[in-house]
């Protein structure tokens, strides 16, 4: 199943208030970076890793994104 199909699967539940979806974007990662422009690769890689590696007990928050971005930048392209 493609990622977008999974989101659409929950559309009715979200509209009915039976489920929620929280969206983080590249703009959020750029805001955290607060540096000179970062390459798009680093922004997308940060979001990809947050999605795949987040701890469900902690969730996704500014600290998780910042820590992940720092790891991505340390590793280089």
PDB file of N, CA and C in Angstrom:
ATOM      1  N   UNK A   1       0.839  -1.173   0.000  1.00  0.00           N
ATOM      2  CA  UNK A   1       0.000   0.000   0.000  1.00  0.00           C
ATOM      3  C   UNK A   1       0.888   1.242   0.000  1.00  0.00           C
ATOM      4  N   UNK A   2       0.585   2.185  -0.868  1.00  0.00           N
ATOM      5  CA  UNK A   2       1.329   3.430  -0.931  1.00  0.00           C
ATOM      6  C   UNK A   2       0.969   4.296   0.274  1.00  0.00           C
ATOM      7  N   UNK A   3       1.921   5.127   0.743  1.00  0.00           N
ATOM      8  CA  UNK A   3       1.645   5.945   1.933  1.00  0.00           C
ATOM      9  C   UNK A   3       0.377   6.782   1.824  1.00  0.00           C
ATOM     10  N   UNK A   4       0.115   7.392   0.678  1.00  0.00           N
ATOM     11  CA  UNK A   4      -1.067   8.238   0.545  1.00  0.00           C
ATOM     12  C   UNK A   4      -2.348   7.417   0.657  1.00  0.00           C
ATOM     13  N   UNK A   5      -2.315   6.188   0.147  1.00  0.00           N
ATOM     14  CA  UNK A   5      -3.490   5.326   0.250  1.00  0.00           C
ATOM     15  C   UNK A   5      -3.826   5.045   1.712  1.00  0.00           C
ATOM     16  N   UNK A   6      -2.796   4.913   2.544  1.00  0.00           N
ATOM     17  CA  UNK A   6      -3.023   4.664   3.961  1.00  0.00           C
ATOM     18  C   UNK A   6      -3.704   5.866   4.609  1.00  0.00           C
ATOM     19  N   UNK A   7      -3.287   7.076   4.236  1.00  0.00           N
ATOM     20  CA  UNK A   7      -3.926   8.276   4.776  1.00  0.00           C
ATOM     21  C   UNK A   7      -5.385   8.337   4.336  1.00  0.00           C
ATOM     22  N   UNK A   8      -5.635   8.085   3.069  1.00  0.00           N
ATOM     23  CA  UNK A   8      -7.011   8.131   2.567  1.00  0.00           C
ATOM     24  C   UNK A   8      -7.911   7.098   3.243  1.00  0.00           C
ATOM     25  N   UNK A   9      -7.310   6.003   3.649  1.00  0.00           N
ATOM     26  CA  UNK A   9      -8.058   4.949   4.334  1.00  0.00           C
ATOM     27  C   UNK A   9      -8.690   5.491   5.622  1.00  0.00           C
ATOM     28  N   UNK A  10      -8.056   6.473   6.246  1.00  0.00           N
ATOM     29  CA  UNK A  10      -8.540   7.034   7.504  1.00  0.00           C
ATOM     30  C   UNK A  10      -9.326   8.329   7.326  1.00  0.00           C
ATOM     31  N   UNK A  11      -9.538   8.776   6.109  1.00  0.00           N
ATOM     32  CA  UNK A  11     -10.197  10.056   5.835  1.00  0.00           C
ATOM     33  C   UNK A  11     -11.537  10.183   6.551  1.00  0.00           C
ATOM     34  N   UNK A  12     -12.394   9.217   6.413  1.00  0.00           N
ATOM     35  CA  UNK A  12     -13.720   9.289   7.031  1.00  0.00           C
ATOM     36  C   UNK A  12     -13.630   9.363   8.557  1.00  0.00           C
ATOM     37  N   UNK A  13     -12.727   8.578   9.142  1.00  0.00           N
ATOM     38  CA  UNK A  13     -12.570   8.598  10.593  1.00  0.00           C
ATOM     39  C   UNK A  13     -12.056   9.951  11.072  1.00  0.00           C
ATOM     40  N   UNK A  14     -11.135  10.557  10.320  1.00  0.00           N
ATOM     41  CA  UNK A  14     -10.618  11.871  10.694  1.00  0.00           C
ATOM     42  C   UNK A  14     -11.734  12.899  10.627  1.00  0.00           C
ATOM     43  N   UNK A  15     -12.499  12.884   9.547  1.00  0.00           N
ATOM     44  CA  UNK A  15     -13.604  13.838   9.408  1.00  0.00           C
ATOM     45  C   UNK A  15     -14.655  13.658  10.496  1.00  0.00           C
ATOM     46  N   UNK A  16     -14.864  12.435  10.958  1.00  0.00           N
ATOM     47  CA  UNK A  16     -15.860  12.158  11.989  1.00  0.00           C
ATOM     48  C   UNK A  16     -15.323  12.419  13.395  1.00  0.00           C
ATOM     49  N   UNK A  17     -14.050  12.787  13.509  1.00  0.00           N
ATOM     50  CA  UNK A  17     -13.461  13.025  14.814  1.00  0.00           C
ATOM     51  C   UNK A  17     -13.075  11.750  15.536  1.00  0.00           C
ATOM     52  N   UNK A  18     -13.008  10.633  14.821  1.00  0.00           N
ATOM     53  CA  UNK A  18     -12.666   9.341  15.415  1.00  0.00           C
ATOM     54  C   UNK A  18     -11.185   9.017  15.283  1.00  0.00           C
ATOM     55  N   UNK A  19     -10.436   9.858  14.575  1.00  0.00           N
ATOM     56  CA  UNK A  19      -8.998   9.676  14.388  1.00  0.00           C
ATOM     57  C   UNK A  19      -8.384  11.045  14.146  1.00  0.00           C
ATOM     58  N   UNK A  20      -7.091  11.154  14.352  1.00  0.00           N
ATOM     59  CA  UNK A  20      -6.386  12.397  14.064  1.00  0.00           C
ATOM     60  C   UNK A  20      -5.187  12.106  13.174  1.00  0.00           C
ATOM     61  N   UNK A  21      -4.740  13.134  12.495  1.00  0.00           N
ATOM     62  CA  UNK A  21      -3.514  13.043  11.701  1.00  0.00           C
ATOM     63  C   UNK A  21      -2.736  14.325  11.944  1.00  0.00           C
ATOM     64  N   UNK A  22      -1.484  14.187  12.315  1.00  0.00           N
ATOM     65  CA  UNK A  22      -0.646  15.341  12.572  1.00  0.00           C
ATOM     66  C   UNK A  22       0.426  15.370  11.497  1.00  0.00           C
ATOM     67  N   UNK A  23       0.581  16.505  10.840  1.00  0.00           N
ATOM     68  CA  UNK A  23       1.476  16.622   9.704  1.00  0.00           C
ATOM     69  C   UNK A  23       2.674  17.494  10.071  1.00  0.00           C
ATOM     70  N   UNK A  24       3.866  16.995   9.783  1.00  0.00           N
ATOM     71  CA  UNK A  24       5.103  17.762   9.906  1.00  0.00           C
ATOM     72  C   UNK A  24       5.637  17.935   8.492  1.00  0.00           C
ATOM     73  N   UNK A  25       6.150  19.107   8.177  1.00  0.00           N
ATOM     74  CA  UNK A  25       6.609  19.403   6.823  1.00  0.00           C
ATOM     75  C   UNK A  25       8.064  19.835   6.793  1.00  0.00           C
ATOM     76  N   UNK A  26       8.570  19.968   5.584  1.00  0.00           N
ATOM     77  CA  UNK A  26       9.933  20.465   5.398  1.00  0.00           C
ATOM     78  C   UNK A  26      10.072  21.853   6.022  1.00  0.00           C
ATOM     79  N   UNK A  27       9.027  22.663   5.961  1.00  0.00           N
ATOM     80  CA  UNK A  27       9.073  23.993   6.576  1.00  0.00           C
ATOM     81  C   UNK A  27       9.375  23.899   8.069  1.00  0.00           C
ATOM     82  N   UNK A  28       8.842  22.880   8.740  1.00  0.00           N
ATOM     83  CA  UNK A  28       9.120  22.685  10.163  1.00  0.00           C
ATOM     84  C   UNK A  28      10.592  22.348  10.385  1.00  0.00           C
ATOM     85  N   UNK A  29      11.147  21.510   9.536  1.00  0.00           N
ATOM     86  CA  UNK A  29      12.553  21.134   9.661  1.00  0.00           C
ATOM     87  C   UNK A  29      13.438  22.356   9.408  1.00  0.00           C
ATOM     88  N   UNK A  30      13.098  23.161   8.402  1.00  0.00           N
ATOM     89  CA  UNK A  30      13.875  24.374   8.114  1.00  0.00           C
ATOM     90  C   UNK A  30      13.819  25.339   9.300  1.00  0.00           C
ATOM     91  N   UNK A  31      12.658  25.460   9.913  1.00  0.00           N
ATOM     92  CA  UNK A  31      12.517  26.357  11.052  1.00  0.00           C
ATOM     93  C   UNK A  31      13.418  25.912  12.197  1.00  0.00           C
ATOM     94  N   UNK A  32      13.471  24.610  12.423  1.00  0.00           N
ATOM     95  CA  UNK A  32      14.332  24.074  13.486  1.00  0.00           C
ATOM     96  C   UNK A  32      15.795  24.308  13.154  1.00  0.00           C
ATOM     97  N   UNK A  33      16.162  24.131  11.916  1.00  0.00           N
ATOM     98  CA  UNK A  33      17.555  24.262  11.499  1.00  0.00           C
ATOM     99  C   UNK A  33      18.070  25.669  11.772  1.00  0.00           C
ATOM    100  N   UNK A  34      17.259  26.666  11.458  1.00  0.00           N
ATOM    101  CA  UNK A  34      17.624  28.054  11.694  1.00  0.00           C
ATOM    102  C   UNK A  34      19.055  28.347  11.230  1.00  0.00           C
ATOM    103  N   UNK A  35      19.439  27.770  10.124  1.00  0.00           N
ATOM    104  CA  UNK A  35      20.771  27.937   9.556  1.00  0.00           C
ATOM    105  C   UNK A  35      20.643  28.540   8.173  1.00  0.00           C
ATOM    106  N   UNK A  36      21.792  28.680   7.519  1.00  0.00           N
ATOM    107  CA  UNK A  36      21.756  29.022   6.104  1.00  0.00           C
ATOM    108  C   UNK A  36      20.940  27.931   5.421  1.00  0.00           C
ATOM    109  N   UNK A  37      20.433  28.207   4.258  1.00  0.00           N
ATOM    110  CA  UNK A  37      19.593  27.204   3.591  1.00  0.00           C
ATOM    111  C   UNK A  37      20.231  25.810   3.600  1.00  0.00           C
ATOM    112  N   UNK A  38      19.413  24.844   3.920  1.00  0.00           N
ATOM    113  CA  UNK A  38      19.856  23.452   3.966  1.00  0.00           C
ATOM    114  C   UNK A  38      19.364  22.784   2.692  1.00  0.00           C
ATOM    115  N   UNK A  39      20.171  21.874   2.191  1.00  0.00           N
ATOM    116  CA  UNK A  39      19.783  21.188   0.959  1.00  0.00           C
ATOM    117  C   UNK A  39      18.505  20.383   1.181  1.00  0.00           C
ATOM    118  N   UNK A  40      17.699  20.322   0.136  1.00  0.00           N
ATOM    119  CA  UNK A  40      16.430  19.617   0.209  1.00  0.00           C
ATOM    120  C   UNK A  40      16.627  18.159   0.634  1.00  0.00           C
ATOM    121  N   UNK A  41      17.723  17.553   0.199  1.00  0.00           N
ATOM    122  CA  UNK A  41      18.003  16.165   0.584  1.00  0.00           C
ATOM    123  C   UNK A  41      17.986  16.022   2.101  1.00  0.00           C
ATOM    124  N   UNK A  42      18.654  16.939   2.813  1.00  0.00           N
ATOM    125  CA  UNK A  42      18.738  16.848   4.273  1.00  0.00           C
ATOM    126  C   UNK A  42      17.369  17.016   4.924  1.00  0.00           C
ATOM    127  N   UNK A  43      16.561  17.906   4.362  1.00  0.00           N
ATOM    128  CA  UNK A  43      15.223  18.115   4.902  1.00  0.00           C
ATOM    129  C   UNK A  43      14.359  16.871   4.729  1.00  0.00           C
ATOM    130  N   UNK A  44      14.361  16.325   3.518  1.00  0.00           N
ATOM    131  CA  UNK A  44      13.549  15.130   3.251  1.00  0.00           C
ATOM    132  C   UNK A  44      14.068  13.920   4.012  1.00  0.00           C
ATOM    133  N   UNK A  45      15.385  13.795   4.108  1.00  0.00           N
ATOM    134  CA  UNK A  45      15.969  12.662   4.832  1.00  0.00           C
ATOM    135  C   UNK A  45      15.605  12.744   6.310  1.00  0.00           C
ATOM    136  N   UNK A  46      15.577  13.949   6.858  1.00  0.00           N
ATOM    137  CA  UNK A  46      15.185  14.117   8.252  1.00  0.00           C
ATOM    138  C   UNK A  46      13.752  13.649   8.460  1.00  0.00           C
ATOM    139  N   UNK A  47      12.846  14.089   7.609  1.00  0.00           N
ATOM    140  CA  UNK A  47      11.452  13.655   7.739  1.00  0.00           C
ATOM    141  C   UNK A  47      11.310  12.149   7.567  1.00  0.00           C
ATOM    142  N   UNK A  48      12.041  11.590   6.615  1.00  0.00           N
ATOM    143  CA  UNK A  48      11.972  10.144   6.377  1.00  0.00           C
ATOM    144  C   UNK A  48      12.408   9.374   7.627  1.00  0.00           C
ATOM    145  N   UNK A  49      13.519   9.804   8.214  1.00  0.00           N
ATOM    146  CA  UNK A  49      14.028   9.106   9.401  1.00  0.00           C
ATOM    147  C   UNK A  49      13.116   9.284  10.606  1.00  0.00           C
ATOM    148  N   UNK A  50      12.557  10.475  10.752  1.00  0.00           N
ATOM    149  CA  UNK A  50      11.617  10.693  11.864  1.00  0.00           C
ATOM    150  C   UNK A  50      10.457   9.724  11.736  1.00  0.00           C
ATOM    151  N   UNK A  51       9.933   9.600  10.526  1.00  0.00           N
ATOM    152  CA  UNK A  51       8.792   8.703  10.299  1.00  0.00           C
ATOM    153  C   UNK A  51       9.158   7.248  10.604  1.00  0.00           C
ATOM    154  N   UNK A  52      10.309   6.831  10.141  1.00  0.00           N
ATOM    155  CA  UNK A  52      10.676   5.418  10.268  1.00  0.00           C
ATOM    156  C   UNK A  52      11.224   5.043  11.644  1.00  0.00           C
ATOM    157  N   UNK A  53      11.768   6.001  12.382  1.00  0.00           N
ATOM    158  CA  UNK A  53      12.494   5.652  13.604  1.00  0.00           C
ATOM    159  C   UNK A  53      11.921   6.246  14.880  1.00  0.00           C
ATOM    160  N   UNK A  54      10.816   6.969  14.807  1.00  0.00           N
ATOM    161  CA  UNK A  54      10.335   7.607  16.030  1.00  0.00           C
ATOM    162  C   UNK A  54       9.848   6.576  17.042  1.00  0.00           C
ATOM    163  N   UNK A  55       9.955   6.962  18.292  1.00  0.00           N
ATOM    164  CA  UNK A  55       9.503   6.129  19.400  1.00  0.00           C
ATOM    165  C   UNK A  55       8.044   6.494  19.679  1.00  0.00           C
ATOM    166  N   UNK A  56       7.154   5.544  19.559  1.00  0.00           N
ATOM    167  CA  UNK A  56       5.731   5.819  19.739  1.00  0.00           C
ATOM    168  C   UNK A  56       5.415   6.318  21.154  1.00  0.00           C
ATOM    169  N   UNK A  57       6.254   6.022  22.115  1.00  0.00           N
ATOM    170  CA  UNK A  57       6.030   6.514  23.477  1.00  0.00           C
ATOM    171  C   UNK A  57       6.352   8.002  23.593  1.00  0.00           C
ATOM    172  N   UNK A  58       7.260   8.468  22.749  1.00  0.00           N
ATOM    173  CA  UNK A  58       7.651   9.882  22.763  1.00  0.00           C
ATOM    174  C   UNK A  58       6.866  10.659  21.721  1.00  0.00           C
ATOM    175  N   UNK A  59       6.641  10.033  20.577  1.00  0.00           N
ATOM    176  CA  UNK A  59       5.951  10.702  19.481  1.00  0.00           C
ATOM    177  C   UNK A  59       6.916  11.543  18.656  1.00  0.00           C
ATOM    178  N   UNK A  60       6.357  12.397  17.830  1.00  0.00           N
ATOM    179  CA  UNK A  60       7.167  13.312  17.028  1.00  0.00           C
ATOM    180  C   UNK A  60       6.978  14.695  17.632  1.00  0.00           C
ATOM    181  N   UNK A  61       8.089  15.330  17.962  1.00  0.00           N
ATOM    182  CA  UNK A  61       8.046  16.674  18.524  1.00  0.00           C
ATOM    183  C   UNK A  61       9.277  17.436  18.046  1.00  0.00           C
ATOM    184  N   UNK A  62       9.390  18.690  18.462  1.00  0.00           N
ATOM    185  CA  UNK A  62      10.503  19.520  17.989  1.00  0.00           C
ATOM    186  C   UNK A  62      11.852  18.903  18.344  1.00  0.00           C
ATOM    187  N   UNK A  63      11.994  18.327  19.526  1.00  0.00           N
ATOM    188  CA  UNK A  63      13.270  17.723  19.934  1.00  0.00           C
ATOM    189  C   UNK A  63      13.635  16.533  19.054  1.00  0.00           C
ATOM    190  N   UNK A  64      12.658  15.706  18.729  1.00  0.00           N
ATOM    191  CA  UNK A  64      12.906  14.545  17.869  1.00  0.00           C
ATOM    192  C   UNK A  64      13.376  15.006  16.492  1.00  0.00           C
ATOM    193  N   UNK A  65      12.711  16.010  15.945  1.00  0.00           N
ATOM    194  CA  UNK A  65      13.108  16.505  14.619  1.00  0.00           C
ATOM    195  C   UNK A  65      14.498  17.123  14.689  1.00  0.00           C
ATOM    196  N   UNK A  66      14.765  17.920  15.704  1.00  0.00           N
ATOM    197  CA  UNK A  66      16.075  18.564  15.827  1.00  0.00           C
ATOM    198  C   UNK A  66      17.199  17.541  15.959  1.00  0.00           C
ATOM    199  N   UNK A  67      17.013  16.557  16.802  1.00  0.00           N
ATOM    200  CA  UNK A  67      18.032  15.517  16.993  1.00  0.00           C
ATOM    201  C   UNK A  67      18.272  14.752  15.693  1.00  0.00           C
ATOM    202  N   UNK A  68      17.208  14.419  14.994  1.00  0.00           N
ATOM    203  CA  UNK A  68      17.330  13.692  13.734  1.00  0.00           C
ATOM    204  C   UNK A  68      18.037  14.543  12.688  1.00  0.00           C
ATOM    205  N   UNK A  69      17.677  15.815  12.589  1.00  0.00           N
ATOM    206  CA  UNK A  69      18.340  16.710  11.645  1.00  0.00           C
ATOM    207  C   UNK A  69      19.827  16.802  11.941  1.00  0.00           C
ATOM    208  N   UNK A  70      20.185  16.912  13.198  1.00  0.00           N
ATOM    209  CA  UNK A  70      21.605  16.971  13.572  1.00  0.00           C
ATOM    210  C   UNK A  70      22.342  15.713  13.118  1.00  0.00           C
ATOM    211  N   UNK A  71      21.713  14.553  13.278  1.00  0.00           N
ATOM    212  CA  UNK A  71      22.328  13.302  12.828  1.00  0.00           C
ATOM    213  C   UNK A  71      22.517  13.303  11.326  1.00  0.00           C
ATOM    214  N   UNK A  72      21.503  13.728  10.597  1.00  0.00           N
ATOM    215  CA  UNK A  72      21.569  13.762   9.131  1.00  0.00           C
ATOM    216  C   UNK A  72      22.694  14.706   8.677  1.00  0.00           C
ATOM    217  N   UNK A  73      22.780  15.867   9.284  1.00  0.00           N
ATOM    218  CA  UNK A  73      23.812  16.825   8.897  1.00  0.00           C
ATOM    219  C   UNK A  73      25.205  16.335   9.229  1.00  0.00           C
ATOM    220  N   UNK A  74      25.368  15.634  10.353  1.00  0.00           N
ATOM    221  CA  UNK A  74      26.683  15.078  10.730  1.00  0.00           C
ATOM    222  C   UNK A  74      27.143  14.032   9.718  1.00  0.00           C
ATOM    223  N   UNK A  75      26.201  13.257   9.207  1.00  0.00           N
ATOM    224  CA  UNK A  75      26.549  12.184   8.279  1.00  0.00           C
ATOM    225  C   UNK A  75      26.864  12.700   6.888  1.00  0.00           C
ATOM    226  N   UNK A  76      26.425  13.904   6.560  1.00  0.00           N
ATOM    227  CA  UNK A  76      26.683  14.454   5.230  1.00  0.00           C
ATOM    228  C   UNK A  76      25.714  13.899   4.193  1.00  0.00           C
ATOM    229  N   UNK A  77      25.975  14.227   2.911  1.00  0.00           N
ATOM    230  CA  UNK A  77      25.038  13.836   1.852  1.00  0.00           C
ATOM    231  C   UNK A  77      24.875  12.358   1.661  1.00  0.00           C
TER     232      UNK A  77
END
